[in-house]
Amino acid sequence: MDTPSPWLDDEQQDLWQALLTVVIALPATLDRQLQRDAGISNFEYGVLARLSMAGEATRRLSDLARDCDSTQPRMSKLMDRFEARDWITRRPDPDDGRYTLATLTDAGRQKLVEAAPGHVAQVKRLVFDPLSAAQRRHLGTALTRVAAVLRRELDGG
């Protein structure tokens, strides 16, 4: 009986190296553009965007931290900075006082609106423009499957 190789085959290695480049270089490239054009990081933009998409632009901080792949202390420090800039407000969750809600303010929404055109143009240029419509569909299908496995792992298996 053949023992499976502990190594990636050539095709897997090529794909893995390309994925590592995307995983490492894409956030760094988006960070540079957002810092230059809007004075915020890609992470900060993502937090503002997720808040803007929530019902009433409000989320529990613990949920926001999980969805942004952040620790609670990191999210709390970011909320301190956002609150100082009047981009969010915080209050206890009326349904469960153990949680804190963050709500995007008009100033926070305005910051997102100002940052969005450059960010969206960069995402389109780097991710979508190099691909055909069929390639985008295939990539979407593949990434959705990988994301589902990762979500299950993060949720404890």
C-alpha atoms as a PDB file:
ATOM      1  CA  MET A   1       0.000   0.000   0.000  1.00  0.00           C
ATOM      2  CA  ASP A   2       1.371   3.412  -1.005  1.00  0.00           C
ATOM      3  CA  THR A   3       1.766   5.971   1.732  1.00  0.00           C
ATOM      4  CA  PRO A   4       0.465   9.399   0.697  1.00  0.00           C
ATOM      5  CA  SER A   5       3.204  11.942   0.172  1.00  0.00           C
ATOM      6  CA  PRO A   6       3.533  14.527   2.951  1.00  0.00           C
ATOM      7  CA  TRP A   7       4.365  17.096   0.276  1.00  0.00           C
ATOM      8  CA  LEU A   8       2.222  19.088  -2.109  1.00  0.00           C
ATOM      9  CA  ASP A   9       2.444  17.986  -5.721  1.00  0.00           C
ATOM     10  CA  ASP A  10       3.663  20.530  -8.296  1.00  0.00           C
ATOM     11  CA  GLU A  11       0.162  21.728  -9.198  1.00  0.00           C
ATOM     12  CA  GLN A  12      -0.804  22.115  -5.537  1.00  0.00           C
ATOM     13  CA  GLN A  13       2.466  23.917  -4.769  1.00  0.00           C
ATOM     14  CA  ASP A  14       1.934  26.398  -7.618  1.00  0.00           C
ATOM     15  CA  LEU A  15      -1.624  27.101  -6.464  1.00  0.00           C
ATOM     16  CA  TRP A  16      -0.561  27.382  -2.829  1.00  0.00           C
ATOM     17  CA  GLN A  17       2.228  29.845  -3.649  1.00  0.00           C
ATOM     18  CA  ALA A  18      -0.158  31.970  -5.738  1.00  0.00           C
ATOM     19  CA  LEU A  19      -2.696  31.956  -2.902  1.00  0.00           C
ATOM     20  CA  LEU A  20      -0.023  32.959  -0.362  1.00  0.00           C
ATOM     21  CA  THR A  21       0.953  35.881  -2.590  1.00  0.00           C
ATOM     22  CA  VAL A  22      -2.677  37.021  -2.750  1.00  0.00           C
ATOM     23  CA  VAL A  23      -3.261  36.537   0.982  1.00  0.00           C
ATOM     24  CA  ILE A  24      -0.134  38.520   1.873  1.00  0.00           C
ATOM     25  CA  ALA A  25       0.132  41.107  -0.901  1.00  0.00           C
ATOM     26  CA  LEU A  26      -3.526  42.043  -1.393  1.00  0.00           C
ATOM     27  CA  PRO A  27      -4.161  43.376   2.132  1.00  0.00           C
ATOM     28  CA  ALA A  28      -0.810  45.214   2.097  1.00  0.00           C
ATOM     29  CA  THR A  29      -1.588  46.807  -1.267  1.00  0.00           C
ATOM     30  CA  LEU A  30      -5.082  47.812  -0.140  1.00  0.00           C
ATOM     31  CA  ASP A  31      -3.593  49.201   3.088  1.00  0.00           C
ATOM     32  CA  ARG A  32      -1.164  51.418   1.167  1.00  0.00           C
ATOM     33  CA  GLN A  33      -3.924  52.845  -1.047  1.00  0.00           C
ATOM     34  CA  LEU A  34      -6.296  53.504   1.851  1.00  0.00           C
ATOM     35  CA  GLN A  35      -3.576  55.041   4.050  1.00  0.00           C
ATOM     36  CA  ARG A  36      -2.477  57.296   1.194  1.00  0.00           C
ATOM     37  CA  ASP A  37      -5.944  58.353   0.051  1.00  0.00           C
ATOM     38  CA  ALA A  38      -8.077  58.198   3.211  1.00  0.00           C
ATOM     39  CA  GLY A  39      -5.735  57.967   6.210  1.00  0.00           C
ATOM     40  CA  ILE A  40      -7.210  54.647   7.355  1.00  0.00           C
ATOM     41  CA  SER A  41      -6.111  51.034   7.155  1.00  0.00           C
ATOM     42  CA  ASN A  42      -7.768  48.245   5.226  1.00  0.00           C
ATOM     43  CA  PHE A  43      -8.827  46.760   8.578  1.00  0.00           C
ATOM     44  CA  GLU A  44     -10.415  50.051   9.654  1.00  0.00           C
ATOM     45  CA  TYR A  45     -12.192  50.334   6.313  1.00  0.00           C
ATOM     46  CA  GLY A  46     -13.518  46.782   6.715  1.00  0.00           C
ATOM     47  CA  VAL A  47     -14.878  47.542  10.179  1.00  0.00           C
ATOM     48  CA  LEU A  48     -16.610  50.712   8.956  1.00  0.00           C
ATOM     49  CA  ALA A  49     -18.023  48.835   5.956  1.00  0.00           C
ATOM     50  CA  ARG A  50     -19.362  45.971   8.082  1.00  0.00           C
ATOM     51  CA  LEU A  51     -21.023  48.432  10.439  1.00  0.00           C
ATOM     52  CA  SER A  52     -22.562  50.289   7.502  1.00  0.00           C
ATOM     53  CA  MET A  53     -24.085  47.057   6.160  1.00  0.00           C
ATOM     54  CA  ALA A  54     -25.625  46.047   9.507  1.00  0.00           C
ATOM     55  CA  GLY A  55     -29.234  46.753  10.372  1.00  0.00           C
ATOM     56  CA  GLU A  56     -29.416  50.282  11.755  1.00  0.00           C
ATOM     57  CA  ALA A  57     -25.604  50.394  11.234  1.00  0.00           C
ATOM     58  CA  THR A  58     -25.258  48.700  14.631  1.00  0.00           C
ATOM     59  CA  ARG A  59     -23.450  45.513  15.705  1.00  0.00           C
ATOM     60  CA  ARG A  60     -22.374  43.836  18.905  1.00  0.00           C
ATOM     61  CA  LEU A  61     -18.653  44.422  19.305  1.00  0.00           C
ATOM     62  CA  SER A  62     -18.035  40.721  19.930  1.00  0.00           C
ATOM     63  CA  ASP A  63     -19.757  39.828  16.630  1.00  0.00           C
ATOM     64  CA  LEU A  64     -17.913  42.582  14.797  1.00  0.00           C
ATOM     65  CA  ALA A  65     -14.584  41.357  16.183  1.00  0.00           C
ATOM     66  CA  ARG A  66     -15.332  37.775  15.107  1.00  0.00           C
ATOM     67  CA  ASP A  67     -16.474  38.814  11.618  1.00  0.00           C
ATOM     68  CA  CYS A  68     -13.387  41.001  11.159  1.00  0.00           C
ATOM     69  CA  ASP A  69     -11.050  38.248  12.429  1.00  0.00           C
ATOM     70  CA  SER A  70     -10.025  40.473  15.327  1.00  0.00           C
ATOM     71  CA  THR A  71      -9.466  39.966  18.999  1.00  0.00           C
ATOM     72  CA  GLN A  72     -11.820  41.754  21.343  1.00  0.00           C
ATOM     73  CA  PRO A  73      -9.010  43.904  22.814  1.00  0.00           C
ATOM     74  CA  ARG A  74      -7.933  45.018  19.316  1.00  0.00           C
ATOM     75  CA  MET A  75     -11.528  45.853  18.397  1.00  0.00           C
ATOM     76  CA  SER A  76     -12.013  47.734  21.656  1.00  0.00           C
ATOM     77  CA  LYS A  77      -8.912  49.870  21.002  1.00  0.00           C
ATOM     78  CA  LEU A  78     -10.144  50.579  17.474  1.00  0.00           C
ATOM     79  CA  MET A  79     -13.553  51.566  18.844  1.00  0.00           C
ATOM     80  CA  ASP A  80     -11.790  53.975  21.232  1.00  0.00           C
ATOM     81  CA  ARG A  81     -10.124  55.650  18.231  1.00  0.00           C
ATOM     82  CA  PHE A  82     -13.330  55.636  16.174  1.00  0.00           C
ATOM     83  CA  GLU A  83     -15.303  57.095  19.065  1.00  0.00           C
ATOM     84  CA  ALA A  84     -12.695  59.854  19.524  1.00  0.00           C
ATOM     85  CA  ARG A  85     -13.163  60.726  15.825  1.00  0.00           C
ATOM     86  CA  ASP A  86     -16.966  60.601  16.239  1.00  0.00           C
ATOM     87  CA  TRP A  87     -17.224  57.731  13.744  1.00  0.00           C
ATOM     88  CA  ILE A  88     -19.120  55.431  16.118  1.00  0.00           C
ATOM     89  CA  THR A  89     -21.062  55.497  19.350  1.00  0.00           C
ATOM     90  CA  ARG A  90     -21.143  52.694  21.900  1.00  0.00           C
ATOM     91  CA  ARG A  91     -23.857  51.663  24.323  1.00  0.00           C
ATOM     92  CA  PRO A  92     -24.857  48.579  26.291  1.00  0.00           C
ATOM     93  CA  ASP A  93     -26.978  46.090  24.367  1.00  0.00           C
ATOM     94  CA  PRO A  94     -30.532  46.568  25.710  1.00  0.00           C
ATOM     95  CA  ASP A  95     -31.250  42.861  25.067  1.00  0.00           C
ATOM     96  CA  ASP A  96     -28.237  41.687  27.062  1.00  0.00           C
ATOM     97  CA  GLY A  97     -26.199  44.190  29.062  1.00  0.00           C
ATOM     98  CA  ARG A  98     -23.132  41.917  28.952  1.00  0.00           C
ATOM     99  CA  TYR A  99     -22.627  43.056  25.353  1.00  0.00           C
ATOM    100  CA  THR A 100     -21.746  46.430  23.875  1.00  0.00           C
ATOM    101  CA  LEU A 101     -23.253  47.768  20.672  1.00  0.00           C
ATOM    102  CA  ALA A 102     -21.370  49.978  18.229  1.00  0.00           C
ATOM    103  CA  THR A 103     -23.328  52.241  15.891  1.00  0.00           C
ATOM    104  CA  LEU A 104     -21.856  54.007  12.892  1.00  0.00           C
ATOM    105  CA  THR A 105     -22.411  57.767  13.082  1.00  0.00           C
ATOM    106  CA  ASP A 106     -23.032  60.135  10.188  1.00  0.00           C
ATOM    107  CA  ALA A 107     -19.369  61.182  10.409  1.00  0.00           C
ATOM    108  CA  GLY A 108     -18.294  57.525  10.251  1.00  0.00           C
ATOM    109  CA  ARG A 109     -20.519  56.900   7.259  1.00  0.00           C
ATOM    110  CA  GLN A 110     -19.086  60.002   5.585  1.00  0.00           C
ATOM    111  CA  LYS A 111     -15.531  58.710   6.136  1.00  0.00           C
ATOM    112  CA  LEU A 112     -16.532  55.425   4.510  1.00  0.00           C
ATOM    113  CA  VAL A 113     -18.209  57.213   1.587  1.00  0.00           C
ATOM    114  CA  GLU A 114     -15.061  59.291   1.034  1.00  0.00           C
ATOM    115  CA  ALA A 115     -12.760  56.267   1.182  1.00  0.00           C
ATOM    116  CA  ALA A 116     -14.918  53.917  -0.901  1.00  0.00           C
ATOM    117  CA  PRO A 117     -14.292  55.129  -4.490  1.00  0.00           C
ATOM    118  CA  GLY A 118     -10.514  54.706  -4.336  1.00  0.00           C
ATOM    119  CA  HIS A 119     -10.784  51.433  -2.439  1.00  0.00           C
ATOM    120  CA  VAL A 120     -13.371  49.967  -4.809  1.00  0.00           C
ATOM    121  CA  ALA A 121     -11.323  51.036  -7.839  1.00  0.00           C
ATOM    122  CA  GLN A 122      -8.256  49.340  -6.351  1.00  0.00           C
ATOM    123  CA  VAL A 123     -10.179  46.118  -5.600  1.00  0.00           C
ATOM    124  CA  LYS A 124     -11.585  46.054  -9.130  1.00  0.00           C
ATOM    125  CA  ARG A 125      -8.156  46.695 -10.665  1.00  0.00           C
ATOM    126  CA  LEU A 126      -6.352  44.084  -8.574  1.00  0.00           C
ATOM    127  CA  VAL A 127      -8.951  41.326  -8.260  1.00  0.00           C
ATOM    128  CA  PHE A 128     -11.717  41.578 -10.836  1.00  0.00           C
ATOM    129  CA  ASP A 129     -10.207  43.199 -13.929  1.00  0.00           C
ATOM    130  CA  PRO A 130      -7.565  40.470 -14.506  1.00  0.00           C
ATOM    131  CA  LEU A 131     -10.303  37.798 -14.634  1.00  0.00           C
ATOM    132  CA  SER A 132     -12.913  36.883 -17.206  1.00  0.00           C
ATOM    133  CA  ALA A 133     -16.540  36.529 -16.106  1.00  0.00           C
ATOM    134  CA  ALA A 134     -16.151  32.733 -16.105  1.00  0.00           C
ATOM    135  CA  GLN A 135     -12.962  32.944 -14.017  1.00  0.00           C
ATOM    136  CA  ARG A 136     -14.710  35.214 -11.511  1.00  0.00           C
ATOM    137  CA  ARG A 137     -17.566  32.691 -11.175  1.00  0.00           C
ATOM    138  CA  HIS A 138     -15.127  29.790 -10.689  1.00  0.00           C
ATOM    139  CA  LEU A 139     -13.069  31.762  -8.178  1.00  0.00           C
ATOM    140  CA  GLY A 140     -16.237  32.686  -6.305  1.00  0.00           C
ATOM    141  CA  THR A 141     -17.324  29.053  -6.132  1.00  0.00           C
ATOM    142  CA  ALA A 142     -13.890  27.886  -4.997  1.00  0.00           C
ATOM    143  CA  LEU A 143     -13.423  30.604  -2.377  1.00  0.00           C
ATOM    144  CA  THR A 144     -16.928  30.047  -1.006  1.00  0.00           C
ATOM    145  CA  ARG A 145     -16.073  26.369  -0.422  1.00  0.00           C
ATOM    146  CA  VAL A 146     -12.742  27.168   1.250  1.00  0.00           C
ATOM    147  CA  ALA A 147     -14.382  29.892   3.366  1.00  0.00           C
ATOM    148  CA  ALA A 148     -17.032  27.440   4.564  1.00  0.00           C
ATOM    149  CA  VAL A 149     -14.330  24.996   5.741  1.00  0.00           C
ATOM    150  CA  LEU A 150     -12.477  27.826   7.483  1.00  0.00           C
ATOM    151  CA  ARG A 151     -15.638  29.082   9.208  1.00  0.00           C
ATOM    152  CA  ARG A 152     -16.327  25.576  10.525  1.00  0.00           C
ATOM    153  CA  GLU A 153     -12.737  25.362  11.821  1.00  0.00           C
ATOM    154  CA  LEU A 154     -13.060  28.746  13.528  1.00  0.00           C
ATOM    155  CA  ASP A 155     -16.350  27.673  15.082  1.00  0.00           C
ATOM    156  CA  GLY A 156     -14.685  24.647  16.629  1.00  0.00           C
ATOM    157  CA  GLY A 157     -14.773  22.049  13.927  1.00  0.00           C
END
